[in-house]
Amino acid sequence: MVYFALYKILDTAFQGLYLALFIRVMLSWFPHDRSHPIMHFLYSITDPILRPFQDLIPSWKIGLDLSPIFAFFALGIIRNLVFTLLF
């Protein structure tokens, strides 16, 4: 029972991160106010995930920010690793 609860909590956390990244990618196509409290919250969640990949491949060199793609892959690998080790 405890393992199932831990599994659901971790799964929900990873799904929330996926959703936050997806929303940020969708919002990047539209003008928005980054100082809005909701946007500030979204950026505070997704920046630590995206920043390492943005530093690896600067978007100004190719004109396209590929960091969300790498972040989705990394989250998937981390999720699989965590679930394999714990369950």
N, C-alpha and C. Protein backbone atom coordinates (compact mmCIF):
# COMPACT_ATOMS: atom_id res chain seq x y z
N MET A 1 0.83 -1.20 0.00
CA MET A 1 0.00 0.00 0.00
C MET A 1 0.87 1.26 0.00
N VAL A 2 1.94 1.25 0.79
CA VAL A 2 2.83 2.42 0.85
C VAL A 2 3.53 2.62 -0.48
N TYR A 3 3.94 1.50 -1.12
CA TYR A 3 4.61 1.60 -2.41
C TYR A 3 3.68 2.18 -3.47
N PHE A 4 2.43 1.78 -3.43
CA PHE A 4 1.46 2.30 -4.40
C PHE A 4 1.26 3.80 -4.21
N ALA A 5 1.17 4.25 -2.96
CA ALA A 5 0.99 5.68 -2.69
C ALA A 5 2.21 6.46 -3.15
N LEU A 6 3.41 5.94 -2.87
CA LEU A 6 4.63 6.61 -3.31
C LEU A 6 4.71 6.64 -4.83
N TYR A 7 4.32 5.54 -5.46
CA TYR A 7 4.30 5.48 -6.92
C TYR A 7 3.38 6.55 -7.49
N LYS A 8 2.17 6.66 -6.94
CA LYS A 8 1.20 7.65 -7.44
C LYS A 8 1.69 9.08 -7.23
N ILE A 9 2.33 9.35 -6.09
CA ILE A 9 2.85 10.69 -5.81
C ILE A 9 3.95 11.05 -6.81
N LEU A 10 4.89 10.12 -7.02
CA LEU A 10 5.98 10.39 -7.96
C LEU A 10 5.46 10.50 -9.39
N ASP A 11 4.53 9.64 -9.76
CA ASP A 11 3.97 9.69 -11.10
C ASP A 11 3.25 11.01 -11.34
N THR A 12 2.49 11.46 -10.36
CA THR A 12 1.79 12.73 -10.47
C THR A 12 2.77 13.90 -10.57
N ALA A 13 3.87 13.84 -9.83
CA ALA A 13 4.87 14.89 -9.89
C ALA A 13 5.51 14.95 -11.28
N PHE A 14 5.85 13.80 -11.84
CA PHE A 14 6.44 13.79 -13.18
C PHE A 14 5.44 14.26 -14.22
N GLN A 15 4.18 13.85 -14.09
CA GLN A 15 3.16 14.31 -15.03
C GLN A 15 2.97 15.82 -14.94
N GLY A 16 3.04 16.36 -13.72
CA GLY A 16 2.94 17.80 -13.53
C GLY A 16 4.09 18.54 -14.20
N LEU A 17 5.29 17.98 -14.11
CA LEU A 17 6.45 18.59 -14.78
C LEU A 17 6.30 18.55 -16.29
N TYR A 18 5.83 17.41 -16.81
CA TYR A 18 5.57 17.31 -18.25
C TYR A 18 4.56 18.37 -18.69
N LEU A 19 3.49 18.51 -17.92
CA LEU A 19 2.45 19.48 -18.26
C LEU A 19 2.98 20.91 -18.19
N ALA A 20 3.74 21.22 -17.16
CA ALA A 20 4.31 22.57 -17.03
C ALA A 20 5.23 22.89 -18.21
N LEU A 21 6.06 21.93 -18.61
CA LEU A 21 6.92 22.15 -19.78
C LEU A 21 6.11 22.34 -21.05
N PHE A 22 5.07 21.53 -21.21
CA PHE A 22 4.23 21.65 -22.39
C PHE A 22 3.54 23.01 -22.45
N ILE A 23 3.01 23.46 -21.32
CA ILE A 23 2.34 24.76 -21.28
C ILE A 23 3.34 25.87 -21.60
N ARG A 24 4.55 25.77 -21.05
CA ARG A 24 5.55 26.80 -21.32
C ARG A 24 5.91 26.83 -22.81
N VAL A 25 6.04 25.68 -23.43
CA VAL A 25 6.34 25.64 -24.86
C VAL A 25 5.21 26.27 -25.66
N MET A 26 3.97 25.94 -25.32
CA MET A 26 2.83 26.51 -26.03
C MET A 26 2.76 28.03 -25.83
N LEU A 27 3.02 28.49 -24.62
CA LEU A 27 2.96 29.92 -24.36
C LEU A 27 4.09 30.69 -25.02
N SER A 28 5.18 30.02 -25.34
CA SER A 28 6.30 30.72 -25.98
C SER A 28 5.93 31.19 -27.39
N TRP A 29 4.87 30.66 -27.95
CA TRP A 29 4.43 31.06 -29.27
C TRP A 29 3.57 32.31 -29.25
N PHE A 30 3.16 32.74 -28.05
CA PHE A 30 2.27 33.89 -27.91
C PHE A 30 2.91 34.92 -26.98
N PRO A 31 2.62 36.19 -27.22
CA PRO A 31 3.14 37.20 -26.27
C PRO A 31 2.46 37.05 -24.91
N HIS A 32 3.25 37.14 -23.86
CA HIS A 32 2.70 37.04 -22.52
C HIS A 32 3.56 37.85 -21.55
N ASP A 33 2.99 38.14 -20.42
CA ASP A 33 3.65 38.95 -19.39
C ASP A 33 4.32 38.02 -18.38
N ARG A 34 5.66 37.99 -18.39
CA ARG A 34 6.39 37.09 -17.49
C ARG A 34 6.28 37.51 -16.03
N SER A 35 5.87 38.73 -15.77
CA SER A 35 5.76 39.19 -14.39
C SER A 35 4.43 38.80 -13.73
N HIS A 36 3.51 38.25 -14.52
CA HIS A 36 2.24 37.79 -13.96
C HIS A 36 2.53 36.65 -12.98
N PRO A 37 1.84 36.58 -11.85
CA PRO A 37 2.14 35.56 -10.83
C PRO A 37 2.08 34.12 -11.35
N ILE A 38 1.12 33.83 -12.21
CA ILE A 38 1.02 32.48 -12.74
C ILE A 38 2.20 32.18 -13.66
N MET A 39 2.55 33.15 -14.49
CA MET A 39 3.70 32.96 -15.39
C MET A 39 4.99 32.85 -14.59
N HIS A 40 5.11 33.65 -13.55
CA HIS A 40 6.30 33.60 -12.70
C HIS A 40 6.42 32.21 -12.07
N PHE A 41 5.31 31.66 -11.60
CA PHE A 41 5.30 30.31 -11.02
C PHE A 41 5.70 29.26 -12.07
N LEU A 42 5.15 29.37 -13.27
CA LEU A 42 5.46 28.42 -14.34
C LEU A 42 6.95 28.47 -14.69
N TYR A 43 7.47 29.68 -14.82
CA TYR A 43 8.89 29.82 -15.15
C TYR A 43 9.78 29.34 -14.01
N SER A 44 9.36 29.53 -12.77
CA SER A 44 10.18 29.08 -11.64
C SER A 44 10.23 27.56 -11.57
N ILE A 45 9.22 26.89 -12.08
CA ILE A 45 9.22 25.42 -12.11
C ILE A 45 10.03 24.89 -13.29
N THR A 46 9.89 25.51 -14.44
CA THR A 46 10.50 24.96 -15.65
C THR A 46 11.92 25.46 -15.92
N ASP A 47 12.29 26.62 -15.41
CA ASP A 47 13.64 27.14 -15.66
C ASP A 47 14.75 26.20 -15.16
N PRO A 48 14.65 25.63 -13.96
CA PRO A 48 15.72 24.72 -13.54
C PRO A 48 15.85 23.48 -14.43
N ILE A 49 14.78 23.10 -15.08
CA ILE A 49 14.83 21.93 -15.97
C ILE A 49 15.41 22.32 -17.33
N LEU A 50 15.03 23.49 -17.83
CA LEU A 50 15.44 23.91 -19.16
C LEU A 50 16.83 24.55 -19.20
N ARG A 51 17.22 25.23 -18.13
CA ARG A 51 18.46 26.01 -18.14
C ARG A 51 19.71 25.20 -18.52
N PRO A 52 19.92 23.99 -17.99
CA PRO A 52 21.12 23.26 -18.39
C PRO A 52 21.18 22.97 -19.89
N PHE A 53 20.04 22.70 -20.49
CA PHE A 53 20.01 22.42 -21.92
C PHE A 53 20.16 23.70 -22.74
N GLN A 54 19.65 24.82 -22.22
CA GLN A 54 19.82 26.09 -22.91
C GLN A 54 21.28 26.53 -22.88
N ASP A 55 21.98 26.19 -21.81
CA ASP A 55 23.40 26.51 -21.73
C ASP A 55 24.23 25.62 -22.64
N LEU A 56 23.80 24.38 -22.84
CA LEU A 56 24.51 23.45 -23.71
C LEU A 56 24.43 23.86 -25.17
N ILE A 57 23.22 24.16 -25.62
CA ILE A 57 22.99 24.53 -27.01
C ILE A 57 22.30 25.88 -27.05
N PRO A 58 23.06 26.96 -27.18
CA PRO A 58 22.45 28.29 -27.23
C PRO A 58 21.53 28.44 -28.45
N SER A 59 20.33 28.95 -28.22
CA SER A 59 19.35 29.06 -29.30
C SER A 59 19.74 30.10 -30.34
N TRP A 60 20.58 31.06 -29.97
CA TRP A 60 20.95 32.09 -30.94
C TRP A 60 21.84 31.54 -32.04
N LYS A 61 22.48 30.40 -31.80
CA LYS A 61 23.35 29.83 -32.84
C LYS A 61 22.55 29.19 -33.96
N ILE A 62 21.43 28.56 -33.61
CA ILE A 62 20.64 27.89 -34.64
C ILE A 62 19.28 28.55 -34.87
N GLY A 63 18.93 29.52 -34.03
CA GLY A 63 17.67 30.23 -34.21
C GLY A 63 16.45 29.50 -33.69
N LEU A 64 16.67 28.42 -32.96
CA LEU A 64 15.57 27.61 -32.45
C LEU A 64 15.99 27.04 -31.10
N ASP A 65 15.10 27.14 -30.13
CA ASP A 65 15.39 26.63 -28.80
C ASP A 65 14.97 25.16 -28.72
N LEU A 66 15.95 24.27 -28.67
CA LEU A 66 15.69 22.84 -28.61
C LEU A 66 15.68 22.30 -27.19
N SER A 67 15.85 23.17 -26.21
CA SER A 67 15.95 22.71 -24.82
C SER A 67 14.70 21.96 -24.34
N PRO A 68 13.47 22.33 -24.73
CA PRO A 68 12.32 21.55 -24.28
C PRO A 68 12.36 20.09 -24.76
N ILE A 69 12.85 19.86 -25.96
CA ILE A 69 12.93 18.49 -26.47
C ILE A 69 13.87 17.68 -25.60
N PHE A 70 15.05 18.24 -25.32
CA PHE A 70 16.01 17.54 -24.47
C PHE A 70 15.48 17.38 -23.04
N ALA A 71 14.75 18.37 -22.56
CA ALA A 71 14.19 18.29 -21.21
C ALA A 71 13.15 17.17 -21.11
N PHE A 72 12.31 17.03 -22.15
CA PHE A 72 11.32 15.94 -22.15
C PHE A 72 12.02 14.58 -22.14
N PHE A 73 13.07 14.44 -22.96
CA PHE A 73 13.82 13.18 -22.98
C PHE A 73 14.48 12.91 -21.63
N ALA A 74 15.09 13.93 -21.05
CA ALA A 74 15.77 13.77 -19.77
C ALA A 74 14.78 13.40 -18.66
N LEU A 75 13.63 14.06 -18.64
CA LEU A 75 12.60 13.72 -17.64
C LEU A 75 12.14 12.27 -17.80
N GLY A 76 11.99 11.83 -19.04
CA GLY A 76 11.58 10.45 -19.27
C GLY A 76 12.63 9.46 -18.77
N ILE A 77 13.89 9.75 -19.03
CA ILE A 77 14.97 8.88 -18.57
C ILE A 77 15.04 8.87 -17.05
N ILE A 78 14.94 10.05 -16.43
CA ILE A 78 14.99 10.14 -14.97
C ILE A 78 13.79 9.41 -14.35
N ARG A 79 12.62 9.58 -14.95
CA ARG A 79 11.42 8.90 -14.45
C ARG A 79 11.60 7.39 -14.49
N ASN A 80 12.06 6.89 -15.64
CA ASN A 80 12.26 5.45 -15.76
C ASN A 80 13.31 4.95 -14.78
N LEU A 81 14.37 5.70 -14.59
CA LEU A 81 15.42 5.31 -13.66
C LEU A 81 14.90 5.27 -12.23
N VAL A 82 14.18 6.31 -11.83
CA VAL A 82 13.63 6.37 -10.47
C VAL A 82 12.65 5.22 -10.23
N PHE A 83 11.76 4.98 -11.18
CA PHE A 83 10.77 3.92 -11.00
C PHE A 83 11.42 2.53 -11.04
N THR A 84 12.48 2.37 -11.84
CA THR A 84 13.17 1.09 -11.88
C THR A 84 13.89 0.83 -10.55
N LEU A 85 14.51 1.85 -10.01
CA LEU A 85 15.24 1.67 -8.76
C LEU A 85 14.33 1.49 -7.55
N LEU A 86 13.20 2.18 -7.54
CA LEU A 86 12.31 2.11 -6.39
C LEU A 86 11.30 0.97 -6.44
N PHE A 87 10.86 0.63 -7.62
CA PHE A 87 9.78 -0.35 -7.72
C PHE A 87 10.26 -1.52 -8.52
